[in-house]
């Protein structure tokens, strides 16, 4: 899967799942603030990632994710590593 396809898929489910305007999802924006995430929302986010990209997410994976770009990079790296196996 190409990086652009991963980002497009992520943005689609973020808009749908978290009811955020697509224009607010920009690489440099803060993920938590833009999506107004609380602890339960993170669980929803993990479930959506796992179901859309077929890999398991560990809570500690989110420690360094601040921006949407961090989030994209994380998912892309996990998708790419999965495809290499």
PDB file of N, CA and C in Angstrom:
ATOM      1  N   UNK A   1       0.854  -1.185   0.000  1.00  0.00           N
ATOM      2  CA  UNK A   1       0.000   0.000   0.000  1.00  0.00           C
ATOM      3  C   UNK A   1       0.899   1.247   0.000  1.00  0.00           C
ATOM      4  N   UNK A   2       0.594   2.177  -0.857  1.00  0.00           N
ATOM      5  CA  UNK A   2       1.384   3.411  -0.956  1.00  0.00           C
ATOM      6  C   UNK A   2       1.080   4.336   0.216  1.00  0.00           C
ATOM      7  N   UNK A   3       2.064   5.178   0.568  1.00  0.00           N
ATOM      8  CA  UNK A   3       1.903   6.112   1.684  1.00  0.00           C
ATOM      9  C   UNK A   3       0.675   7.001   1.512  1.00  0.00           C
ATOM     10  N   UNK A   4       0.447   7.493   0.293  1.00  0.00           N
ATOM     11  CA  UNK A   4      -0.695   8.378   0.037  1.00  0.00           C
ATOM     12  C   UNK A   4      -2.009   7.652   0.293  1.00  0.00           C
ATOM     13  N   UNK A   5      -2.057   6.362  -0.059  1.00  0.00           N
ATOM     14  CA  UNK A   5      -3.268   5.567   0.170  1.00  0.00           C
ATOM     15  C   UNK A   5      -3.517   5.375   1.662  1.00  0.00           C
ATOM     16  N   UNK A   6      -2.449   5.149   2.413  1.00  0.00           N
ATOM     17  CA  UNK A   6      -2.576   4.982   3.862  1.00  0.00           C
ATOM     18  C   UNK A   6      -3.106   6.273   4.488  1.00  0.00           C
ATOM     19  N   UNK A   7      -2.529   7.404   4.101  1.00  0.00           N
ATOM     20  CA  UNK A   7      -2.947   8.699   4.652  1.00  0.00           C
ATOM     21  C   UNK A   7      -4.396   8.990   4.292  1.00  0.00           C
ATOM     22  N   UNK A   8      -4.774   8.712   3.058  1.00  0.00           N
ATOM     23  CA  UNK A   8      -6.159   8.945   2.626  1.00  0.00           C
ATOM     24  C   UNK A   8      -7.130   8.086   3.432  1.00  0.00           C
ATOM     25  N   UNK A   9      -6.779   6.827   3.634  1.00  0.00           N
ATOM     26  CA  UNK A   9      -7.626   5.918   4.402  1.00  0.00           C
ATOM     27  C   UNK A   9      -7.737   6.389   5.855  1.00  0.00           C
ATOM     28  N   UNK A  10      -6.626   6.807   6.442  1.00  0.00           N
ATOM     29  CA  UNK A  10      -6.631   7.319   7.817  1.00  0.00           C
ATOM     30  C   UNK A  10      -7.557   8.520   7.917  1.00  0.00           C
ATOM     31  N   UNK A  11      -7.380   9.481   7.014  1.00  0.00           N
ATOM     32  CA  UNK A  11      -8.203  10.696   7.062  1.00  0.00           C
ATOM     33  C   UNK A  11      -9.684  10.379   6.921  1.00  0.00           C
ATOM     34  N   UNK A  12     -10.013   9.442   6.049  1.00  0.00           N
ATOM     35  CA  UNK A  12     -11.419   9.062   5.861  1.00  0.00           C
ATOM     36  C   UNK A  12     -12.021   8.522   7.148  1.00  0.00           C
ATOM     37  N   UNK A  13     -11.316   7.605   7.819  1.00  0.00           N
ATOM     38  CA  UNK A  13     -11.917   7.044   9.032  1.00  0.00           C
ATOM     39  C   UNK A  13     -11.884   8.028  10.192  1.00  0.00           C
ATOM     40  N   UNK A  14     -10.923   8.949  10.205  1.00  0.00           N
ATOM     41  CA  UNK A  14     -10.920   9.973  11.266  1.00  0.00           C
ATOM     42  C   UNK A  14     -12.120  10.906  11.119  1.00  0.00           C
ATOM     43  N   UNK A  15     -12.401  11.325   9.898  1.00  0.00           N
ATOM     44  CA  UNK A  15     -13.551  12.196   9.643  1.00  0.00           C
ATOM     45  C   UNK A  15     -14.842  11.489  10.041  1.00  0.00           C
ATOM     46  N   UNK A  16     -14.955  10.233   9.643  1.00  0.00           N
ATOM     47  CA  UNK A  16     -16.178   9.478   9.920  1.00  0.00           C
ATOM     48  C   UNK A  16     -16.311   9.138  11.403  1.00  0.00           C
ATOM     49  N   UNK A  17     -15.259   8.611  11.993  1.00  0.00           N
ATOM     50  CA  UNK A  17     -15.313   8.099  13.365  1.00  0.00           C
ATOM     51  C   UNK A  17     -15.353   9.206  14.414  1.00  0.00           C
ATOM     52  N   UNK A  18     -14.613  10.292  14.162  1.00  0.00           N
ATOM     53  CA  UNK A  18     -14.484  11.343  15.174  1.00  0.00           C
ATOM     54  C   UNK A  18     -15.217  12.630  14.801  1.00  0.00           C
ATOM     55  N   UNK A  19     -15.948  12.572  13.698  1.00  0.00           N
ATOM     56  CA  UNK A  19     -16.786  13.685  13.263  1.00  0.00           C
ATOM     57  C   UNK A  19     -16.032  15.017  13.269  1.00  0.00           C
ATOM     58  N   UNK A  20     -14.862  14.989  12.676  1.00  0.00           N
ATOM     59  CA  UNK A  20     -14.038  16.190  12.554  1.00  0.00           C
ATOM     60  C   UNK A  20     -14.032  16.609  11.089  1.00  0.00           C
ATOM     61  N   UNK A  21     -13.973  17.909  10.867  1.00  0.00           N
ATOM     62  CA  UNK A  21     -13.937  18.418   9.494  1.00  0.00           C
ATOM     63  C   UNK A  21     -12.602  18.051   8.848  1.00  0.00           C
ATOM     64  N   UNK A  22     -12.669  17.571   7.629  1.00  0.00           N
ATOM     65  CA  UNK A  22     -11.472  17.123   6.917  1.00  0.00           C
ATOM     66  C   UNK A  22     -10.413  18.218   6.826  1.00  0.00           C
ATOM     67  N   UNK A  23     -10.844  19.476   6.728  1.00  0.00           N
ATOM     68  CA  UNK A  23      -9.899  20.586   6.598  1.00  0.00           C
ATOM     69  C   UNK A  23      -9.033  20.764   7.846  1.00  0.00           C
ATOM     70  N   UNK A  24      -9.506  20.264   8.975  1.00  0.00           N
ATOM     71  CA  UNK A  24      -8.755  20.402  10.230  1.00  0.00           C
ATOM     72  C   UNK A  24      -7.652  19.359  10.351  1.00  0.00           C
ATOM     73  N   UNK A  25      -7.714  18.331   9.520  1.00  0.00           N
ATOM     74  CA  UNK A  25      -6.715  17.263   9.564  1.00  0.00           C
ATOM     75  C   UNK A  25      -5.565  17.636   8.633  1.00  0.00           C
ATOM     76  N   UNK A  26      -4.558  18.236   9.219  1.00  0.00           N
ATOM     77  CA  UNK A  26      -3.350  18.618   8.486  1.00  0.00           C
ATOM     78  C   UNK A  26      -2.148  18.034   9.228  1.00  0.00           C
ATOM     79  N   UNK A  27      -1.086  17.710   8.505  1.00  0.00           N
ATOM     80  CA  UNK A  27       0.046  17.005   9.119  1.00  0.00           C
ATOM     81  C   UNK A  27       0.595  17.641  10.397  1.00  0.00           C
ATOM     82  N   UNK A  28       0.657  18.964  10.458  1.00  0.00           N
ATOM     83  CA  UNK A  28       1.272  19.618  11.618  1.00  0.00           C
ATOM     84  C   UNK A  28       0.318  19.826  12.799  1.00  0.00           C
ATOM     85  N   UNK A  29      -0.973  19.561  12.604  1.00  0.00           N
ATOM     86  CA  UNK A  29      -1.961  19.759  13.682  1.00  0.00           C
ATOM     87  C   UNK A  29      -1.772  18.715  14.780  1.00  0.00           C
ATOM     88  N   UNK A  30      -2.123  19.091  15.991  1.00  0.00           N
ATOM     89  CA  UNK A  30      -2.051  18.195  17.132  1.00  0.00           C
ATOM     90  C   UNK A  30      -3.201  17.197  17.069  1.00  0.00           C
ATOM     91  N   UNK A  31      -2.870  15.927  17.071  1.00  0.00           N
ATOM     92  CA  UNK A  31      -3.864  14.856  16.939  1.00  0.00           C
ATOM     93  C   UNK A  31      -4.884  14.893  18.071  1.00  0.00           C
ATOM     94  N   UNK A  32      -4.404  14.925  19.302  1.00  0.00           N
ATOM     95  CA  UNK A  32      -5.293  14.871  20.467  1.00  0.00           C
ATOM     96  C   UNK A  32      -6.233  16.072  20.521  1.00  0.00           C
ATOM     97  N   UNK A  33      -5.691  17.270  20.293  1.00  0.00           N
ATOM     98  CA  UNK A  33      -6.510  18.480  20.363  1.00  0.00           C
ATOM     99  C   UNK A  33      -7.502  18.568  19.212  1.00  0.00           C
ATOM    100  N   UNK A  34      -7.057  18.263  18.014  1.00  0.00           N
ATOM    101  CA  UNK A  34      -7.927  18.370  16.842  1.00  0.00           C
ATOM    102  C   UNK A  34      -9.094  17.395  16.920  1.00  0.00           C
ATOM    103  N   UNK A  35      -8.815  16.180  17.359  1.00  0.00           N
ATOM    104  CA  UNK A  35      -9.870  15.166  17.446  1.00  0.00           C
ATOM    105  C   UNK A  35     -10.582  15.185  18.797  1.00  0.00           C
ATOM    106  N   UNK A  36     -10.096  16.027  19.717  1.00  0.00           N
ATOM    107  CA  UNK A  36     -10.648  16.119  21.074  1.00  0.00           C
ATOM    108  C   UNK A  36     -10.705  14.733  21.720  1.00  0.00           C
ATOM    109  N   UNK A  37      -9.557  14.055  21.718  1.00  0.00           N
ATOM    110  CA  UNK A  37      -9.482  12.686  22.209  1.00  0.00           C
ATOM    111  C   UNK A  37      -9.415  12.622  23.729  1.00  0.00           C
ATOM    112  N   UNK A  38     -10.203  11.708  24.280  1.00  0.00           N
ATOM    113  CA  UNK A  38     -10.048  11.354  25.686  1.00  0.00           C
ATOM    114  C   UNK A  38      -9.590   9.890  25.715  1.00  0.00           C
ATOM    115  N   UNK A  39      -9.464   9.319  26.896  1.00  0.00           N
ATOM    116  CA  UNK A  39      -8.918   7.958  26.975  1.00  0.00           C
ATOM    117  C   UNK A  39      -9.778   6.932  26.236  1.00  0.00           C
ATOM    118  N   UNK A  40     -11.094   7.082  26.277  1.00  0.00           N
ATOM    119  CA  UNK A  40     -11.961   6.149  25.550  1.00  0.00           C
ATOM    120  C   UNK A  40     -11.834   6.314  24.040  1.00  0.00           C
ATOM    121  N   UNK A  41     -11.624   7.553  23.598  1.00  0.00           N
ATOM    122  CA  UNK A  41     -11.437   7.800  22.166  1.00  0.00           C
ATOM    123  C   UNK A  41     -10.176   7.122  21.646  1.00  0.00           C
ATOM    124  N   UNK A  42      -9.137   7.081  22.489  1.00  0.00           N
ATOM    125  CA  UNK A  42      -7.916   6.383  22.067  1.00  0.00           C
ATOM    126  C   UNK A  42      -8.197   4.901  21.829  1.00  0.00           C
ATOM    127  N   UNK A  43      -9.052   4.320  22.650  1.00  0.00           N
ATOM    128  CA  UNK A  43      -9.430   2.918  22.451  1.00  0.00           C
ATOM    129  C   UNK A  43     -10.150   2.765  21.116  1.00  0.00           C
ATOM    130  N   UNK A  44     -11.075   3.671  20.834  1.00  0.00           N
ATOM    131  CA  UNK A  44     -11.774   3.645  19.539  1.00  0.00           C
ATOM    132  C   UNK A  44     -10.785   3.779  18.383  1.00  0.00           C
ATOM    133  N   UNK A  45      -9.820   4.673  18.552  1.00  0.00           N
ATOM    134  CA  UNK A  45      -8.822   4.901  17.513  1.00  0.00           C
ATOM    135  C   UNK A  45      -8.001   3.628  17.272  1.00  0.00           C
ATOM    136  N   UNK A  46      -7.608   2.967  18.336  1.00  0.00           N
ATOM    137  CA  UNK A  46      -6.850   1.721  18.217  1.00  0.00           C
ATOM    138  C   UNK A  46      -7.673   0.660  17.492  1.00  0.00           C
ATOM    139  N   UNK A  47      -8.935   0.529  17.853  1.00  0.00           N
ATOM    140  CA  UNK A  47      -9.809  -0.463  17.211  1.00  0.00           C
ATOM    141  C   UNK A  47      -9.932  -0.170  15.711  1.00  0.00           C
ATOM    142  N   UNK A  48     -10.102   1.078  15.365  1.00  0.00           N
ATOM    143  CA  UNK A  48     -10.237   1.453  13.958  1.00  0.00           C
ATOM    144  C   UNK A  48      -8.942   1.174  13.199  1.00  0.00           C
ATOM    145  N   UNK A  49      -7.808   1.497  13.796  1.00  0.00           N
ATOM    146  CA  UNK A  49      -6.519   1.222  13.145  1.00  0.00           C
ATOM    147  C   UNK A  49      -6.358  -0.280  12.921  1.00  0.00           C
ATOM    148  N   UNK A  50      -6.604  -1.044  13.985  1.00  0.00           N
ATOM    149  CA  UNK A  50      -6.414  -2.488  13.886  1.00  0.00           C
ATOM    150  C   UNK A  50      -7.341  -3.119  12.847  1.00  0.00           C
ATOM    151  N   UNK A  51      -8.573  -2.649  12.773  1.00  0.00           N
ATOM    152  CA  UNK A  51      -9.507  -3.240  11.805  1.00  0.00           C
ATOM    153  C   UNK A  51      -9.211  -2.798  10.370  1.00  0.00           C
ATOM    154  N   UNK A  52      -8.712  -1.571  10.195  1.00  0.00           N
ATOM    155  CA  UNK A  52      -8.427  -1.074   8.849  1.00  0.00           C
ATOM    156  C   UNK A  52      -7.081  -1.535   8.298  1.00  0.00           C
ATOM    157  N   UNK A  53      -6.110  -1.742   9.193  1.00  0.00           N
ATOM    158  CA  UNK A  53      -4.759  -2.036   8.726  1.00  0.00           C
ATOM    159  C   UNK A  53      -4.223  -3.395   9.191  1.00  0.00           C
ATOM    160  N   UNK A  54      -5.002  -4.132   9.953  1.00  0.00           N
ATOM    161  CA  UNK A  54      -4.672  -5.507  10.350  1.00  0.00           C
ATOM    162  C   UNK A  54      -3.332  -5.654  11.071  1.00  0.00           C
ATOM    163  N   UNK A  55      -3.096  -4.795  12.033  1.00  0.00           N
ATOM    164  CA  UNK A  55      -1.959  -5.000  12.930  1.00  0.00           C
ATOM    165  C   UNK A  55      -2.367  -4.559  14.326  1.00  0.00           C
ATOM    166  N   UNK A  56      -1.693  -5.117  15.324  1.00  0.00           N
ATOM    167  CA  UNK A  56      -1.996  -4.808  16.721  1.00  0.00           C
ATOM    168  C   UNK A  56      -1.251  -3.549  17.156  1.00  0.00           C
ATOM    169  N   UNK A  57      -1.940  -2.717  17.908  1.00  0.00           N
ATOM    170  CA  UNK A  57      -1.371  -1.475  18.425  1.00  0.00           C
ATOM    171  C   UNK A  57      -1.162  -1.641  19.922  1.00  0.00           C
ATOM    172  N   UNK A  58       0.019  -1.242  20.384  1.00  0.00           N
ATOM    173  CA  UNK A  58       0.304  -1.259  21.823  1.00  0.00           C
ATOM    174  C   UNK A  58       0.130   0.158  22.359  1.00  0.00           C
ATOM    175  N   UNK A  59      -0.384   0.303  23.567  1.00  0.00           N
ATOM    176  CA  UNK A  59      -0.591   1.648  24.128  1.00  0.00           C
ATOM    177  C   UNK A  59       0.672   2.505  24.119  1.00  0.00           C
ATOM    178  N   UNK A  60       1.809   1.890  24.363  1.00  0.00           N
ATOM    179  CA  UNK A  60       3.057   2.666  24.390  1.00  0.00           C
ATOM    180  C   UNK A  60       3.438   3.221  23.019  1.00  0.00           C
ATOM    181  N   UNK A  61       2.831   2.685  21.962  1.00  0.00           N
ATOM    182  CA  UNK A  61       3.094   3.205  20.616  1.00  0.00           C
ATOM    183  C   UNK A  61       2.633   4.658  20.475  1.00  0.00           C
ATOM    184  N   UNK A  62       1.669   5.060  21.294  1.00  0.00           N
ATOM    185  CA  UNK A  62       1.114   6.407  21.191  1.00  0.00           C
ATOM    186  C   UNK A  62       1.899   7.454  21.975  1.00  0.00           C
ATOM    187  N   UNK A  63       2.871   7.039  22.755  1.00  0.00           N
ATOM    188  CA  UNK A  63       3.611   7.963  23.615  1.00  0.00           C
ATOM    189  C   UNK A  63       4.236   9.108  22.818  1.00  0.00           C
ATOM    190  N   UNK A  64       4.817   8.798  21.678  1.00  0.00           N
ATOM    191  CA  UNK A  64       5.527   9.814  20.893  1.00  0.00           C
ATOM    192  C   UNK A  64       4.691  10.423  19.770  1.00  0.00           C
ATOM    193  N   UNK A  65       3.425  10.085  19.704  1.00  0.00           N
ATOM    194  CA  UNK A  65       2.578  10.621  18.641  1.00  0.00           C
ATOM    195  C   UNK A  65       1.911  11.901  19.118  1.00  0.00           C
ATOM    196  N   UNK A  66       2.295  13.004  18.497  1.00  0.00           N
ATOM    197  CA  UNK A  66       1.717  14.302  18.828  1.00  0.00           C
ATOM    198  C   UNK A  66       0.883  14.855  17.676  1.00  0.00           C
ATOM    199  N   UNK A  67       1.458  14.836  16.487  1.00  0.00           N
ATOM    200  CA  UNK A  67       0.801  15.442  15.320  1.00  0.00           C
ATOM    201  C   UNK A  67       0.205  14.359  14.423  1.00  0.00           C
ATOM    202  N   UNK A  68      -0.581  14.812  13.471  1.00  0.00           N
ATOM    203  CA  UNK A  68      -1.111  13.871  12.484  1.00  0.00           C
ATOM    204  C   UNK A  68       0.034  13.245  11.703  1.00  0.00           C
ATOM    205  N   UNK A  69       1.099  14.023  11.423  1.00  0.00           N
ATOM    206  CA  UNK A  69       2.238  13.464  10.698  1.00  0.00           C
ATOM    207  C   UNK A  69       2.884  12.333  11.489  1.00  0.00           C
ATOM    208  N   UNK A  70       3.013  12.512  12.807  1.00  0.00           N
ATOM    209  CA  UNK A  70       3.536  11.428  13.649  1.00  0.00           C
ATOM    210  C   UNK A  70       2.661  10.185  13.518  1.00  0.00           C
ATOM    211  N   UNK A  71       1.358  10.404  13.523  1.00  0.00           N
ATOM    212  CA  UNK A  71       0.394   9.308  13.414  1.00  0.00           C
ATOM    213  C   UNK A  71       0.515   8.619  12.056  1.00  0.00           C
ATOM    214  N   UNK A  72       0.576   9.416  10.985  1.00  0.00           N
ATOM    215  CA  UNK A  72       0.743   8.844   9.644  1.00  0.00           C
ATOM    216  C   UNK A  72       2.026   8.013   9.579  1.00  0.00           C
ATOM    217  N   UNK A  73       3.117   8.588  10.087  1.00  0.00           N
ATOM    218  CA  UNK A  73       4.409   7.897  10.032  1.00  0.00           C
ATOM    219  C   UNK A  73       4.353   6.572  10.772  1.00  0.00           C
ATOM    220  N   UNK A  74       3.700   6.582  11.927  1.00  0.00           N
ATOM    221  CA  UNK A  74       3.563   5.352  12.722  1.00  0.00           C
ATOM    222  C   UNK A  74       2.805   4.282  11.937  1.00  0.00           C
ATOM    223  N   UNK A  75       1.637   4.634  11.418  1.00  0.00           N
ATOM    224  CA  UNK A  75       0.818   3.655  10.699  1.00  0.00           C
ATOM    225  C   UNK A  75       1.545   3.178   9.440  1.00  0.00           C
ATOM    226  N   UNK A  76       2.143   4.091   8.697  1.00  0.00           N
ATOM    227  CA  UNK A  76       2.864   3.726   7.469  1.00  0.00           C
ATOM    228  C   UNK A  76       4.007   2.766   7.794  1.00  0.00           C
ATOM    229  N   UNK A  77       4.756   3.038   8.854  1.00  0.00           N
ATOM    230  CA  UNK A  77       5.874   2.152   9.203  1.00  0.00           C
ATOM    231  C   UNK A  77       5.375   0.763   9.592  1.00  0.00           C
ATOM    232  N   UNK A  78       4.264   0.709  10.318  1.00  0.00           N
ATOM    233  CA  UNK A  78       3.695  -0.593  10.710  1.00  0.00           C
ATOM    234  C   UNK A  78       3.141  -1.332   9.499  1.00  0.00           C
ATOM    235  N   UNK A  79       2.477  -0.631   8.594  1.00  0.00           N
ATOM    236  CA  UNK A  79       1.947  -1.269   7.376  1.00  0.00           C
ATOM    237  C   UNK A  79       3.097  -1.787   6.537  1.00  0.00           C
ATOM    238  N   UNK A  80       4.141  -0.982   6.360  1.00  0.00           N
ATOM    239  CA  UNK A  80       5.283  -1.391   5.549  1.00  0.00           C
ATOM    240  C   UNK A  80       6.017  -2.571   6.164  1.00  0.00           C
ATOM    241  N   UNK A  81       6.175  -2.585   7.475  1.00  0.00           N
ATOM    242  CA  UNK A  81       6.875  -3.706   8.116  1.00  0.00           C
ATOM    243  C   UNK A  81       6.045  -4.982   8.014  1.00  0.00           C
ATOM    244  N   UNK A  82       4.729  -4.832   8.071  1.00  0.00           N
ATOM    245  CA  UNK A  82       3.837  -5.980   7.939  1.00  0.00           C
ATOM    246  C   UNK A  82       3.923  -6.568   6.527  1.00  0.00           C
ATOM    247  N   UNK A  83       4.026  -5.683   5.520  1.00  0.00           N
ATOM    248  CA  UNK A  83       4.082  -6.145   4.133  1.00  0.00           C
ATOM    249  C   UNK A  83       5.389  -6.855   3.820  1.00  0.00           C
ATOM    250  N   UNK A  84       6.439  -6.548   4.578  1.00  0.00           N
ATOM    251  CA  UNK A  84       7.736  -7.186   4.340  1.00  0.00           C
ATOM    252  C   UNK A  84       7.787  -8.604   4.891  1.00  0.00           C
ATOM    253  N   UNK A  85       6.889  -8.929   5.782  1.00  0.00           N
ATOM    254  CA  UNK A  85       6.905 -10.253   6.408  1.00  0.00           C
ATOM    255  C   UNK A  85       6.272 -11.279   5.505  1.00  0.00           C
TER     256      UNK A  85
END
